[in-house]
Amino acid sequence: MASAGLKPGVPVTLRELEPSSEMFKQGASLRVTGILQSYDVNSATAVIQDGSVSLKVDSQLLMDISFRTNSAYQFIGELLIRPENYAILQAHIGRIVDGLDLNLYQQALLIRRQHEAKLWSSRRA
């Protein structure tokens, strides 16, 4: 019997969250990682950045997390797409990942995807 709870967050880079991406879907459960650029206490909204790409994160559902600009964070939540392809992640889980090498993380993510693609193609054969 399948659980009606939260779906696992698919790891994606912020650069992959463009309107033309297959990951850019209303309600998609995603795991994103980036550097905290700003945090608005009144709206509980964080902005994370990876290179030149940024994403707003709604952190109202998070507890026991402190926000420090220029620290690395990872969030898992659902992507909400507003008019004109404006996206915000409604986070259910958030954690500080200072010390994580973001370039190495992205390389590992690519290798993981290649491995998963091979695995799926071998199962179909």
PDB file of N, CA and C in Angstrom:
ATOM      1  N   MET A   1       0.842  -1.182   0.000  1.00  0.00           N
ATOM      2  CA  MET A   1       0.000   0.000   0.000  1.00  0.00           C
ATOM      3  C   MET A   1       0.885   1.241   0.000  1.00  0.00           C
ATOM      4  N   ALA A   2       0.683   2.106  -0.939  1.00  0.00           N
ATOM      5  CA  ALA A   2       1.506   3.309  -1.077  1.00  0.00           C
ATOM      6  C   ALA A   2       1.118   4.344  -0.029  1.00  0.00           C
ATOM      7  N   SER A   3       2.115   5.046   0.447  1.00  0.00           N
ATOM      8  CA  SER A   3       1.891   6.098   1.429  1.00  0.00           C
ATOM      9  C   SER A   3       1.471   7.378   0.727  1.00  0.00           C
ATOM     10  N   ALA A   4       0.553   8.095   1.332  1.00  0.00           N
ATOM     11  CA  ALA A   4       0.099   9.365   0.758  1.00  0.00           C
ATOM     12  C   ALA A   4       0.921  10.523   1.289  1.00  0.00           C
ATOM     13  N   GLY A   5       2.039  10.228   1.969  1.00  0.00           N
ATOM     14  CA  GLY A   5       2.878  11.254   2.575  1.00  0.00           C
ATOM     15  C   GLY A   5       3.711  12.000   1.559  1.00  0.00           C
ATOM     16  N   LEU A   6       4.796  12.549   2.046  1.00  0.00           N
ATOM     17  CA  LEU A   6       5.685  13.336   1.199  1.00  0.00           C
ATOM     18  C   LEU A   6       6.437  12.455   0.215  1.00  0.00           C
ATOM     19  N   LYS A   7       6.659  12.985  -0.960  1.00  0.00           N
ATOM     20  CA  LYS A   7       7.448  12.290  -1.971  1.00  0.00           C
ATOM     21  C   LYS A   7       8.918  12.620  -1.743  1.00  0.00           C
ATOM     22  N   PRO A   8       9.810  11.713  -2.159  1.00  0.00           N
ATOM     23  CA  PRO A   8      11.238  12.028  -2.014  1.00  0.00           C
ATOM     24  C   PRO A   8      11.610  13.185  -2.944  1.00  0.00           C
ATOM     25  N   GLY A   9      12.514  14.022  -2.501  1.00  0.00           N
ATOM     26  CA  GLY A   9      12.946  15.154  -3.312  1.00  0.00           C
ATOM     27  C   GLY A   9      13.984  14.726  -4.330  1.00  0.00           C
ATOM     28  N   VAL A  10      13.710  14.951  -5.594  1.00  0.00           N
ATOM     29  CA  VAL A  10      14.654  14.630  -6.662  1.00  0.00           C
ATOM     30  C   VAL A  10      15.758  15.686  -6.653  1.00  0.00           C
ATOM     31  N   PRO A  11      17.020  15.266  -6.526  1.00  0.00           N
ATOM     32  CA  PRO A  11      18.106  16.258  -6.519  1.00  0.00           C
ATOM     33  C   PRO A  11      18.230  16.959  -7.872  1.00  0.00           C
ATOM     34  N   VAL A  12      18.202  18.281  -7.849  1.00  0.00           N
ATOM     35  CA  VAL A  12      18.388  19.079  -9.060  1.00  0.00           C
ATOM     36  C   VAL A  12      19.287  20.262  -8.731  1.00  0.00           C
ATOM     37  N   THR A  13      19.949  20.775  -9.750  1.00  0.00           N
ATOM     38  CA  THR A  13      20.718  22.005  -9.575  1.00  0.00           C
ATOM     39  C   THR A  13      19.787  23.178  -9.879  1.00  0.00           C
ATOM     40  N   LEU A  14      20.112  24.326  -9.353  1.00  0.00           N
ATOM     41  CA  LEU A  14      19.273  25.496  -9.616  1.00  0.00           C
ATOM     42  C   LEU A  14      19.260  25.832 -11.103  1.00  0.00           C
ATOM     43  N   ARG A  15      20.355  25.561 -11.787  1.00  0.00           N
ATOM     44  CA  ARG A  15      20.423  25.855 -13.227  1.00  0.00           C
ATOM     45  C   ARG A  15      19.424  25.025 -14.026  1.00  0.00           C
ATOM     46  N   GLU A  16      19.026  23.879 -13.470  1.00  0.00           N
ATOM     47  CA  GLU A  16      18.075  23.006 -14.165  1.00  0.00           C
ATOM     48  C   GLU A  16      16.627  23.453 -13.995  1.00  0.00           C
ATOM     49  N   LEU A  17      16.388  24.420 -13.158  1.00  0.00           N
ATOM     50  CA  LEU A  17      15.018  24.861 -12.913  1.00  0.00           C
ATOM     51  C   LEU A  17      14.631  26.025 -13.815  1.00  0.00           C
ATOM     52  N   GLU A  18      14.681  25.780 -15.104  1.00  0.00           N
ATOM     53  CA  GLU A  18      14.229  26.751 -16.098  1.00  0.00           C
ATOM     54  C   GLU A  18      12.854  26.307 -16.568  1.00  0.00           C
ATOM     55  N   PRO A  19      12.040  27.211 -17.062  1.00  0.00           N
ATOM     56  CA  PRO A  19      10.711  26.821 -17.539  1.00  0.00           C
ATOM     57  C   PRO A  19      10.731  25.711 -18.595  1.00  0.00           C
ATOM     58  N   SER A  20      11.805  25.571 -19.358  1.00  0.00           N
ATOM     59  CA  SER A  20      11.868  24.533 -20.390  1.00  0.00           C
ATOM     60  C   SER A  20      12.296  23.173 -19.837  1.00  0.00           C
ATOM     61  N   SER A  21      12.704  23.122 -18.579  1.00  0.00           N
ATOM     62  CA  SER A  21      13.191  21.880 -17.971  1.00  0.00           C
ATOM     63  C   SER A  21      12.044  20.942 -17.615  1.00  0.00           C
ATOM     64  N   GLU A  22      12.302  19.635 -17.699  1.00  0.00           N
ATOM     65  CA  GLU A  22      11.291  18.649 -17.296  1.00  0.00           C
ATOM     66  C   GLU A  22      11.057  18.669 -15.784  1.00  0.00           C
ATOM     67  N   MET A  23      11.988  19.237 -15.031  1.00  0.00           N
ATOM     68  CA  MET A  23      11.844  19.341 -13.578  1.00  0.00           C
ATOM     69  C   MET A  23      10.961  20.523 -13.168  1.00  0.00           C
ATOM     70  N   PHE A  24      10.736  21.443 -14.084  1.00  0.00           N
ATOM     71  CA  PHE A  24       9.971  22.666 -13.804  1.00  0.00           C
ATOM     72  C   PHE A  24       8.480  22.359 -13.936  1.00  0.00           C
ATOM     73  N   LYS A  25       7.938  21.672 -12.913  1.00  0.00           N
ATOM     74  CA  LYS A  25       6.529  21.285 -12.925  1.00  0.00           C
ATOM     75  C   LYS A  25       5.881  21.671 -11.603  1.00  0.00           C
ATOM     76  N   GLN A  26       4.651  22.097 -11.689  1.00  0.00           N
ATOM     77  CA  GLN A  26       3.887  22.435 -10.490  1.00  0.00           C
ATOM     78  C   GLN A  26       3.837  21.230  -9.557  1.00  0.00           C
ATOM     79  N   GLY A  27       4.234  21.426  -8.301  1.00  0.00           N
ATOM     80  CA  GLY A  27       4.165  20.367  -7.302  1.00  0.00           C
ATOM     81  C   GLY A  27       5.292  19.361  -7.334  1.00  0.00           C
ATOM     82  N   ALA A  28       6.281  19.550  -8.218  1.00  0.00           N
ATOM     83  CA  ALA A  28       7.410  18.614  -8.282  1.00  0.00           C
ATOM     84  C   ALA A  28       8.141  18.608  -6.947  1.00  0.00           C
ATOM     85  N   SER A  29       8.447  17.417  -6.444  1.00  0.00           N
ATOM     86  CA  SER A  29       9.174  17.283  -5.185  1.00  0.00           C
ATOM     87  C   SER A  29      10.666  17.290  -5.495  1.00  0.00           C
ATOM     88  N   LEU A  30      11.369  18.316  -5.017  1.00  0.00           N
ATOM     89  CA  LEU A  30      12.759  18.546  -5.399  1.00  0.00           C
ATOM     90  C   LEU A  30      13.662  18.733  -4.192  1.00  0.00           C
ATOM     91  N   ARG A  31      14.945  18.450  -4.411  1.00  0.00           N
ATOM     92  CA  ARG A  31      16.000  18.760  -3.431  1.00  0.00           C
ATOM     93  C   ARG A  31      16.944  19.737  -4.114  1.00  0.00           C
ATOM     94  N   VAL A  32      17.078  20.924  -3.551  1.00  0.00           N
ATOM     95  CA  VAL A  32      17.926  21.964  -4.134  1.00  0.00           C
ATOM     96  C   VAL A  32      18.993  22.380  -3.133  1.00  0.00           C
ATOM     97  N   THR A  33      20.118  22.816  -3.667  1.00  0.00           N
ATOM     98  CA  THR A  33      21.246  23.226  -2.833  1.00  0.00           C
ATOM     99  C   THR A  33      21.787  24.540  -3.366  1.00  0.00           C
ATOM    100  N   GLY A  34      22.108  25.455  -2.469  1.00  0.00           N
ATOM    101  CA  GLY A  34      22.677  26.729  -2.888  1.00  0.00           C
ATOM    102  C   GLY A  34      23.160  27.537  -1.697  1.00  0.00           C
ATOM    103  N   ILE A  35      23.719  28.681  -2.007  1.00  0.00           N
ATOM    104  CA  ILE A  35      24.246  29.597  -0.996  1.00  0.00           C
ATOM    105  C   ILE A  35      23.156  30.608  -0.639  1.00  0.00           C
ATOM    106  N   LEU A  36      22.909  30.788   0.657  1.00  0.00           N
ATOM    107  CA  LEU A  36      21.882  31.727   1.100  1.00  0.00           C
ATOM    108  C   LEU A  36      22.331  33.159   0.827  1.00  0.00           C
ATOM    109  N   GLN A  37      21.561  33.862   0.010  1.00  0.00           N
ATOM    110  CA  GLN A  37      21.857  35.257  -0.310  1.00  0.00           C
ATOM    111  C   GLN A  37      21.114  36.208   0.619  1.00  0.00           C
ATOM    112  N   SER A  38      19.869  35.842   0.960  1.00  0.00           N
ATOM    113  CA  SER A  38      19.087  36.705   1.847  1.00  0.00           C
ATOM    114  C   SER A  38      17.992  35.890   2.516  1.00  0.00           C
ATOM    115  N   TYR A  39      17.500  36.442   3.632  1.00  0.00           N
ATOM    116  CA  TYR A  39      16.386  35.818   4.342  1.00  0.00           C
ATOM    117  C   TYR A  39      15.509  36.918   4.917  1.00  0.00           C
ATOM    118  N   ASP A  40      14.220  36.866   4.601  1.00  0.00           N
ATOM    119  CA  ASP A  40      13.249  37.831   5.105  1.00  0.00           C
ATOM    120  C   ASP A  40      12.462  37.167   6.233  1.00  0.00           C
ATOM    121  N   VAL A  41      12.683  37.614   7.457  1.00  0.00           N
ATOM    122  CA  VAL A  41      12.041  37.021   8.633  1.00  0.00           C
ATOM    123  C   VAL A  41      10.523  37.189   8.568  1.00  0.00           C
ATOM    124  N   ASN A  42      10.045  38.335   8.102  1.00  0.00           N
ATOM    125  CA  ASN A  42       8.604  38.612   8.075  1.00  0.00           C
ATOM    126  C   ASN A  42       7.838  37.664   7.161  1.00  0.00           C
ATOM    127  N   SER A  43       8.398  37.351   6.006  1.00  0.00           N
ATOM    128  CA  SER A  43       7.717  36.456   5.069  1.00  0.00           C
ATOM    129  C   SER A  43       8.252  35.032   5.127  1.00  0.00           C
ATOM    130  N   ALA A  44       9.291  34.799   5.933  1.00  0.00           N
ATOM    131  CA  ALA A  44       9.949  33.485   6.039  1.00  0.00           C
ATOM    132  C   ALA A  44      10.393  32.992   4.664  1.00  0.00           C
ATOM    133  N   THR A  45      10.963  33.926   3.888  1.00  0.00           N
ATOM    134  CA  THR A  45      11.408  33.603   2.540  1.00  0.00           C
ATOM    135  C   THR A  45      12.919  33.752   2.438  1.00  0.00           C
ATOM    136  N   ALA A  46      13.544  32.686   1.969  1.00  0.00           N
ATOM    137  CA  ALA A  46      14.988  32.684   1.742  1.00  0.00           C
ATOM    138  C   ALA A  46      15.246  32.751   0.244  1.00  0.00           C
ATOM    139  N   VAL A  47      16.389  33.280  -0.126  1.00  0.00           N
ATOM    140  CA  VAL A  47      16.830  33.255  -1.517  1.00  0.00           C
ATOM    141  C   VAL A  47      18.175  32.552  -1.533  1.00  0.00           C
ATOM    142  N   ILE A  48      18.232  31.425  -2.275  1.00  0.00           N
ATOM    143  CA  ILE A  48      19.500  30.718  -2.431  1.00  0.00           C
ATOM    144  C   ILE A  48      19.993  30.907  -3.850  1.00  0.00           C
ATOM    145  N   GLN A  49      21.304  30.807  -4.017  1.00  0.00           N
ATOM    146  CA  GLN A  49      21.920  31.071  -5.313  1.00  0.00           C
ATOM    147  C   GLN A  49      22.986  30.031  -5.600  1.00  0.00           C
ATOM    148  N   ASP A  50      23.096  29.689  -6.883  1.00  0.00           N
ATOM    149  CA  ASP A  50      24.167  28.832  -7.376  1.00  0.00           C
ATOM    150  C   ASP A  50      24.655  29.469  -8.665  1.00  0.00           C
ATOM    151  N   GLY A  51      25.829  30.055  -8.617  1.00  0.00           N
ATOM    152  CA  GLY A  51      26.316  30.797  -9.779  1.00  0.00           C
ATOM    153  C   GLY A  51      25.439  32.013  -9.995  1.00  0.00           C
ATOM    154  N   SER A  52      24.904  32.142 -11.202  1.00  0.00           N
ATOM    155  CA  SER A  52      24.068  33.301 -11.523  1.00  0.00           C
ATOM    156  C   SER A  52      22.575  33.015 -11.375  1.00  0.00           C
ATOM    157  N   VAL A  53      22.226  31.816 -10.917  1.00  0.00           N
ATOM    158  CA  VAL A  53      20.826  31.416 -10.813  1.00  0.00           C
ATOM    159  C   VAL A  53      20.388  31.427  -9.350  1.00  0.00           C
ATOM    160  N   SER A  54      19.195  31.956  -9.096  1.00  0.00           N
ATOM    161  CA  SER A  54      18.690  31.988  -7.721  1.00  0.00           C
ATOM    162  C   SER A  54      17.279  31.410  -7.667  1.00  0.00           C
ATOM    163  N   LEU A  55      16.863  31.053  -6.451  1.00  0.00           N
ATOM    164  CA  LEU A  55      15.536  30.486  -6.227  1.00  0.00           C
ATOM    165  C   LEU A  55      15.032  30.955  -4.871  1.00  0.00           C
ATOM    166  N   LYS A  56      13.756  31.341  -4.826  1.00  0.00           N
ATOM    167  CA  LYS A  56      13.136  31.695  -3.548  1.00  0.00           C
ATOM    168  C   LYS A  56      12.645  30.420  -2.880  1.00  0.00           C
ATOM    169  N   VAL A  57      12.797  30.383  -1.550  1.00  0.00           N
ATOM    170  CA  VAL A  57      12.385  29.229  -0.760  1.00  0.00           C
ATOM    171  C   VAL A  57      11.463  29.712   0.355  1.00  0.00           C
ATOM    172  N   ASP A  58      10.250  29.177   0.388  1.00  0.00           N
ATOM    173  CA  ASP A  58       9.301  29.468   1.462  1.00  0.00           C
ATOM    174  C   ASP A  58       9.646  28.540   2.623  1.00  0.00           C
ATOM    175  N   SER A  59      10.080  29.108   3.745  1.00  0.00           N
ATOM    176  CA  SER A  59      10.546  28.303   4.878  1.00  0.00           C
ATOM    177  C   SER A  59       9.561  28.291   6.048  1.00  0.00           C
ATOM    178  N   GLN A  60       8.304  28.643   5.811  1.00  0.00           N
ATOM    179  CA  GLN A  60       7.322  28.723   6.898  1.00  0.00           C
ATOM    180  C   GLN A  60       7.120  27.400   7.623  1.00  0.00           C
ATOM    181  N   LEU A  61       7.312  26.271   6.938  1.00  0.00           N
ATOM    182  CA  LEU A  61       7.086  24.961   7.546  1.00  0.00           C
ATOM    183  C   LEU A  61       8.310  24.415   8.274  1.00  0.00           C
ATOM    184  N   LEU A  62       9.426  25.126   8.201  1.00  0.00           N
ATOM    185  CA  LEU A  62      10.662  24.646   8.826  1.00  0.00           C
ATOM    186  C   LEU A  62      10.745  25.099  10.277  1.00  0.00           C
ATOM    187  N   MET A  63      11.303  24.226  11.103  1.00  0.00           N
ATOM    188  CA  MET A  63      11.527  24.569  12.510  1.00  0.00           C
ATOM    189  C   MET A  63      12.987  24.299  12.850  1.00  0.00           C
ATOM    190  N   ASP A  64      13.467  24.982  13.849  1.00  0.00           N
ATOM    191  CA  ASP A  64      14.816  24.742  14.378  1.00  0.00           C
ATOM    192  C   ASP A  64      15.912  24.850  13.323  1.00  0.00           C
ATOM    193  N   ILE A  65      15.815  25.849  12.484  1.00  0.00           N
ATOM    194  CA  ILE A  65      16.881  26.105  11.514  1.00  0.00           C
ATOM    195  C   ILE A  65      17.206  27.593  11.584  1.00  0.00           C
ATOM    196  N   SER A  66      18.474  27.888  11.656  1.00  0.00           N
ATOM    197  CA  SER A  66      18.890  29.293  11.666  1.00  0.00           C
ATOM    198  C   SER A  66      19.430  29.629  10.286  1.00  0.00           C
ATOM    199  N   PHE A  67      19.211  30.848   9.876  1.00  0.00           N
ATOM    200  CA  PHE A  67      19.628  31.273   8.543  1.00  0.00           C
ATOM    201  C   PHE A  67      20.787  32.248   8.649  1.00  0.00           C
ATOM    202  N   ARG A  68      21.869  31.931   7.939  1.00  0.00           N
ATOM    203  CA  ARG A  68      23.066  32.776   7.891  1.00  0.00           C
ATOM    204  C   ARG A  68      23.428  33.010   6.427  1.00  0.00           C
ATOM    205  N   THR A  69      23.473  34.264   6.037  1.00  0.00           N
ATOM    206  CA  THR A  69      23.852  34.560   4.657  1.00  0.00           C
ATOM    207  C   THR A  69      25.250  34.028   4.381  1.00  0.00           C
ATOM    208  N   ASN A  70      25.465  33.650   3.140  1.00  0.00           N
ATOM    209  CA  ASN A  70      26.715  33.086   2.626  1.00  0.00           C
ATOM    210  C   ASN A  70      27.005  31.677   3.138  1.00  0.00           C
ATOM    211  N   SER A  71      26.038  31.044   3.794  1.00  0.00           N
ATOM    212  CA  SER A  71      26.171  29.642   4.176  1.00  0.00           C
ATOM    213  C   SER A  71      25.455  28.790   3.132  1.00  0.00           C
ATOM    214  N   ALA A  72      25.899  27.544   2.979  1.00  0.00           N
ATOM    215  CA  ALA A  72      25.278  26.620   2.031  1.00  0.00           C
ATOM    216  C   ALA A  72      24.099  25.920   2.705  1.00  0.00           C
ATOM    217  N   TYR A  73      22.989  25.813   1.965  1.00  0.00           N
ATOM    218  CA  TYR A  73      21.775  25.169   2.470  1.00  0.00           C
ATOM    219  C   TYR A  73      21.253  24.181   1.441  1.00  0.00           C
ATOM    220  N   GLN A  74      20.560  23.175   1.954  1.00  0.00           N
ATOM    221  CA  GLN A  74      19.873  22.219   1.099  1.00  0.00           C
ATOM    222  C   GLN A  74      18.428  22.144   1.588  1.00  0.00           C
ATOM    223  N   PHE A  75      17.500  22.210   0.638  1.00  0.00           N
ATOM    224  CA  PHE A  75      16.076  22.181   0.962  1.00  0.00           C
ATOM    225  C   PHE A  75      15.380  21.098   0.150  1.00  0.00           C
ATOM    226  N   ILE A  76      14.392  20.459   0.770  1.00  0.00           N
ATOM    227  CA  ILE A  76      13.528  19.508   0.080  1.00  0.00           C
ATOM    228  C   ILE A  76      12.108  20.029   0.224  1.00  0.00           C
ATOM    229  N   GLY A  77      11.402  20.093  -0.907  1.00  0.00           N
ATOM    230  CA  GLY A  77      10.036  20.592  -0.874  1.00  0.00           C
ATOM    231  C   GLY A  77       9.388  20.528  -2.240  1.00  0.00           C
ATOM    232  N   GLU A  78       8.235  21.163  -2.342  1.00  0.00           N
ATOM    233  CA  GLU A  78       7.478  21.159  -3.586  1.00  0.00           C
ATOM    234  C   GLU A  78       7.644  22.487  -4.316  1.00  0.00           C
ATOM    235  N   LEU A  79       7.790  22.383  -5.621  1.00  0.00           N
ATOM    236  CA  LEU A  79       7.930  23.568  -6.459  1.00  0.00           C
ATOM    237  C   LEU A  79       6.552  24.145  -6.747  1.00  0.00           C
ATOM    238  N   LEU A  80       6.388  25.413  -6.444  1.00  0.00           N
ATOM    239  CA  LEU A  80       5.146  26.121  -6.737  1.00  0.00           C
ATOM    240  C   LEU A  80       5.441  27.116  -7.849  1.00  0.00           C
ATOM    241  N   ILE A  81       4.686  27.023  -8.921  1.00  0.00           N
ATOM    242  CA  ILE A  81       4.914  27.901 -10.072  1.00  0.00           C
ATOM    243  C   ILE A  81       3.793  28.931 -10.125  1.00  0.00           C
ATOM    244  N   ARG A  82       4.200  30.168 -10.048  1.00  0.00           N
ATOM    245  CA  ARG A  82       3.275  31.299 -10.064  1.00  0.00           C
ATOM    246  C   ARG A  82       3.169  31.823 -11.503  1.00  0.00           C
ATOM    247  N   PRO A  83       2.274  32.782 -11.727  1.00  0.00           N
ATOM    248  CA  PRO A  83       2.157  33.358 -13.073  1.00  0.00           C
ATOM    249  C   PRO A  83       3.508  33.846 -13.612  1.00  0.00           C
ATOM    250  N   GLU A  84       3.631  33.786 -14.908  1.00  0.00           N
ATOM    251  CA  GLU A  84       4.834  34.212 -15.632  1.00  0.00           C
ATOM    252  C   GLU A  84       6.056  33.374 -15.253  1.00  0.00           C
ATOM    253  N   ASN A  85       5.826  32.076 -14.950  1.00  0.00           N
ATOM    254  CA  ASN A  85       6.893  31.120 -14.641  1.00  0.00           C
ATOM    255  C   ASN A  85       7.770  31.531 -13.468  1.00  0.00           C
ATOM    256  N   TYR A  86       7.188  32.203 -12.500  1.00  0.00           N
ATOM    257  CA  TYR A  86       7.890  32.564 -11.274  1.00  0.00           C
ATOM    258  C   TYR A  86       7.779  31.376 -10.320  1.00  0.00           C
ATOM    259  N   ALA A  87       8.907  30.822  -9.890  1.00  0.00           N
ATOM    260  CA  ALA A  87       8.902  29.614  -9.064  1.00  0.00           C
ATOM    261  C   ALA A  87       9.386  29.901  -7.647  1.00  0.00           C
ATOM    262  N   ILE A  88       8.803  29.164  -6.701  1.00  0.00           N
ATOM    263  CA  ILE A  88       9.236  29.208  -5.308  1.00  0.00           C
ATOM    264  C   ILE A  88       9.132  27.790  -4.761  1.00  0.00           C
ATOM    265  N   LEU A  89      10.097  27.393  -3.970  1.00  0.00           N
ATOM    266  CA  LEU A  89      10.081  26.066  -3.366  1.00  0.00           C
ATOM    267  C   LEU A  89       9.459  26.170  -1.981  1.00  0.00           C
ATOM    268  N   GLN A  90       8.405  25.398  -1.741  1.00  0.00           N
ATOM    269  CA  GLN A  90       7.805  25.337  -0.406  1.00  0.00           C
ATOM    270  C   GLN A  90       8.521  24.216   0.343  1.00  0.00           C
ATOM    271  N   ALA A  91       9.454  24.594   1.207  1.00  0.00           N
ATOM    272  CA  ALA A  91      10.342  23.628   1.852  1.00  0.00           C
ATOM    273  C   ALA A  91       9.680  22.939   3.040  1.00  0.00           C
ATOM    274  N   HIS A  92       9.902  21.630   3.118  1.00  0.00           N
ATOM    275  CA  HIS A  92       9.476  20.832   4.270  1.00  0.00           C
ATOM    276  C   HIS A  92      10.677  20.449   5.122  1.00  0.00           C
ATOM    277  N   ILE A  93      11.837  20.393   4.478  1.00  0.00           N
ATOM    278  CA  ILE A  93      13.079  20.023   5.154  1.00  0.00           C
ATOM    279  C   ILE A  93      14.152  21.011   4.723  1.00  0.00           C
ATOM    280  N   GLY A  94      14.962  21.451   5.663  1.00  0.00           N
ATOM    281  CA  GLY A  94      16.072  22.342   5.357  1.00  0.00           C
ATOM    282  C   GLY A  94      17.232  22.056   6.280  1.00  0.00           C
ATOM    283  N   ARG A  95      18.423  22.175   5.742  1.00  0.00           N
ATOM    284  CA  ARG A  95      19.610  21.961   6.570  1.00  0.00           C
ATOM    285  C   ARG A  95      20.775  22.770   6.036  1.00  0.00           C
ATOM    286  N   ILE A  96      21.663  23.117   6.941  1.00  0.00           N
ATOM    287  CA  ILE A  96      22.900  23.799   6.567  1.00  0.00           C
ATOM    288  C   ILE A  96      23.869  22.736   6.068  1.00  0.00           C
ATOM    289  N   VAL A  97      24.502  22.998   4.942  1.00  0.00           N
ATOM    290  CA  VAL A  97      25.478  22.052   4.392  1.00  0.00           C
ATOM    291  C   VAL A  97      26.815  22.755   4.143  1.00  0.00           C
ATOM    292  N   ASP A  98      27.188  23.649   5.065  1.00  0.00           N
ATOM    293  CA  ASP A  98      28.497  24.294   4.956  1.00  0.00           C
ATOM    294  C   ASP A  98      29.567  23.212   4.896  1.00  0.00           C
ATOM    295  N   GLY A  99      30.559  23.430   4.089  1.00  0.00           N
ATOM    296  CA  GLY A  99      31.618  22.443   3.922  1.00  0.00           C
ATOM    297  C   GLY A  99      31.388  21.560   2.708  1.00  0.00           C
ATOM    298  N   LEU A 100      30.172  21.570   2.173  1.00  0.00           N
ATOM    299  CA  LEU A 100      29.879  20.804   0.970  1.00  0.00           C
ATOM    300  C   LEU A 100      30.482  21.527  -0.232  1.00  0.00           C
ATOM    301  N   ASP A 101      31.290  20.836  -0.993  1.00  0.00           N
ATOM    302  CA  ASP A 101      31.859  21.389  -2.219  1.00  0.00           C
ATOM    303  C   ASP A 101      30.772  21.313  -3.292  1.00  0.00           C
ATOM    304  N   LEU A 102      30.178  22.455  -3.634  1.00  0.00           N
ATOM    305  CA  LEU A 102      29.052  22.464  -4.567  1.00  0.00           C
ATOM    306  C   LEU A 102      29.433  21.959  -5.951  1.00  0.00           C
ATOM    307  N   ASN A 103      30.642  22.249  -6.412  1.00  0.00           N
ATOM    308  CA  ASN A 103      31.069  21.747  -7.719  1.00  0.00           C
ATOM    309  C   ASN A 103      31.180  20.229  -7.709  1.00  0.00           C
ATOM    310  N   LEU A 104      31.771  19.683  -6.662  1.00  0.00           N
ATOM    311  CA  LEU A 104      31.897  18.234  -6.536  1.00  0.00           C
ATOM    312  C   LEU A 104      30.520  17.584  -6.387  1.00  0.00           C
ATOM    313  N   TYR A 105      29.628  18.224  -5.650  1.00  0.00           N
ATOM    314  CA  TYR A 105      28.261  17.724  -5.490  1.00  0.00           C
ATOM    315  C   TYR A 105      27.564  17.636  -6.849  1.00  0.00           C
ATOM    316  N   GLN A 106      27.723  18.665  -7.672  1.00  0.00           N
ATOM    317  CA  GLN A 106      27.086  18.662  -8.988  1.00  0.00           C
ATOM    318  C   GLN A 106      27.682  17.591  -9.892  1.00  0.00           C
ATOM    319  N   GLN A 107      28.997  17.370  -9.796  1.00  0.00           N
ATOM    320  CA  GLN A 107      29.625  16.292 -10.566  1.00  0.00           C
ATOM    321  C   GLN A 107      29.084  14.935 -10.124  1.00  0.00           C
ATOM    322  N   ALA A 108      28.954  14.741  -8.813  1.00  0.00           N
ATOM    323  CA  ALA A 108      28.421  13.479  -8.285  1.00  0.00           C
ATOM    324  C   ALA A 108      26.977  13.272  -8.735  1.00  0.00           C
ATOM    325  N   LEU A 109      26.215  14.341  -8.803  1.00  0.00           N
ATOM    326  CA  LEU A 109      24.834  14.263  -9.260  1.00  0.00           C
ATOM    327  C   LEU A 109      24.767  13.798 -10.716  1.00  0.00           C
ATOM    328  N   LEU A 110      25.656  14.317 -11.560  1.00  0.00           N
ATOM    329  CA  LEU A 110      25.702  13.889 -12.961  1.00  0.00           C
ATOM    330  C   LEU A 110      26.076  12.412 -13.077  1.00  0.00           C
ATOM    331  N   ILE A 111      27.059  11.980 -12.301  1.00  0.00           N
ATOM    332  CA  ILE A 111      27.473  10.575 -12.328  1.00  0.00           C
ATOM    333  C   ILE A 111      26.331   9.683 -11.852  1.00  0.00           C
ATOM    334  N   ARG A 112      25.629  10.105 -10.826  1.00  0.00           N
ATOM    335  CA  ARG A 112      24.481   9.338 -10.327  1.00  0.00           C
ATOM    336  C   ARG A 112      23.426   9.179 -11.414  1.00  0.00           C
ATOM    337  N   ARG A 113      23.139  10.254 -12.121  1.00  0.00           N
ATOM    338  CA  ARG A 113      22.125  10.193 -13.182  1.00  0.00           C
ATOM    339  C   ARG A 113      22.556   9.260 -14.306  1.00  0.00           C
ATOM    340  N   GLN A 114      23.840   9.306 -14.662  1.00  0.00           N
ATOM    341  CA  GLN A 114      24.343   8.401 -15.698  1.00  0.00           C
ATOM    342  C   GLN A 114      24.183   6.949 -15.257  1.00  0.00           C
ATOM    343  N   HIS A 115      24.516   6.679 -14.006  1.00  0.00           N
ATOM    344  CA  HIS A 115      24.383   5.321 -13.471  1.00  0.00           C
ATOM    345  C   HIS A 115      22.916   4.880 -13.459  1.00  0.00           C
ATOM    346  N   GLU A 116      22.022   5.757 -13.019  1.00  0.00           N
ATOM    347  CA  GLU A 116      20.600   5.422 -12.990  1.00  0.00           C
ATOM    348  C   GLU A 116      20.062   5.168 -14.392  1.00  0.00           C
ATOM    349  N   ALA A 117      20.507   5.959 -15.369  1.00  0.00           N
ATOM    350  CA  ALA A 117      20.067   5.762 -16.752  1.00  0.00           C
ATOM    351  C   ALA A 117      20.521   4.397 -17.267  1.00  0.00           C
ATOM    352  N   LYS A 118      21.768   4.018 -16.964  1.00  0.00           N
ATOM    353  CA  LYS A 118      22.270   2.698 -17.363  1.00  0.00           C
ATOM    354  C   LYS A 118      21.457   1.594 -16.705  1.00  0.00           C
ATOM    355  N   LEU A 119      21.177   1.763 -15.440  1.00  0.00           N
ATOM    356  CA  LEU A 119      20.416   0.770 -14.690  1.00  0.00           C
ATOM    357  C   LEU A 119      19.029   0.584 -15.288  1.00  0.00           C
ATOM    358  N   TRP A 120      18.350   1.686 -15.589  1.00  0.00           N
ATOM    359  CA  TRP A 120      17.011   1.607 -16.170  1.00  0.00           C
ATOM    360  C   TRP A 120      17.039   0.984 -17.559  1.00  0.00           C
ATOM    361  N   SER A 121      18.038   1.335 -18.361  1.00  0.00           N
ATOM    362  CA  SER A 121      18.104   0.772 -19.718  1.00  0.00           C
ATOM    363  C   SER A 121      18.421  -0.719 -19.676  1.00  0.00           C
ATOM    364  N   SER A 122      19.237  -1.163 -18.718  1.00  0.00           N
ATOM    365  CA  SER A 122      19.548  -2.594 -18.620  1.00  0.00           C
ATOM    366  C   SER A 122      18.343  -3.391 -18.113  1.00  0.00           C
ATOM    367  N   ARG A 123      17.495  -2.781 -17.323  1.00  0.00           N
ATOM    368  CA  ARG A 123      16.291  -3.471 -16.835  1.00  0.00           C
ATOM    369  C   ARG A 123      15.244  -3.616 -17.924  1.00  0.00           C
ATOM    370  N   ARG A 124      15.245  -2.698 -18.865  1.00  0.00           N
ATOM    371  CA  ARG A 124      14.273  -2.755 -19.967  1.00  0.00           C
ATOM    372  C   ARG A 124      14.684  -3.771 -21.024  1.00  0.00           C
ATOM    373  N   ALA A 125      15.975  -4.038 -21.115  1.00  0.00           N
ATOM    374  CA  ALA A 125      16.484  -4.939 -22.165  1.00  0.00           C
ATOM    375  C   ALA A 125      16.183  -6.391 -21.869  1.00  0.00           C
TER     376      ALA A 125
END
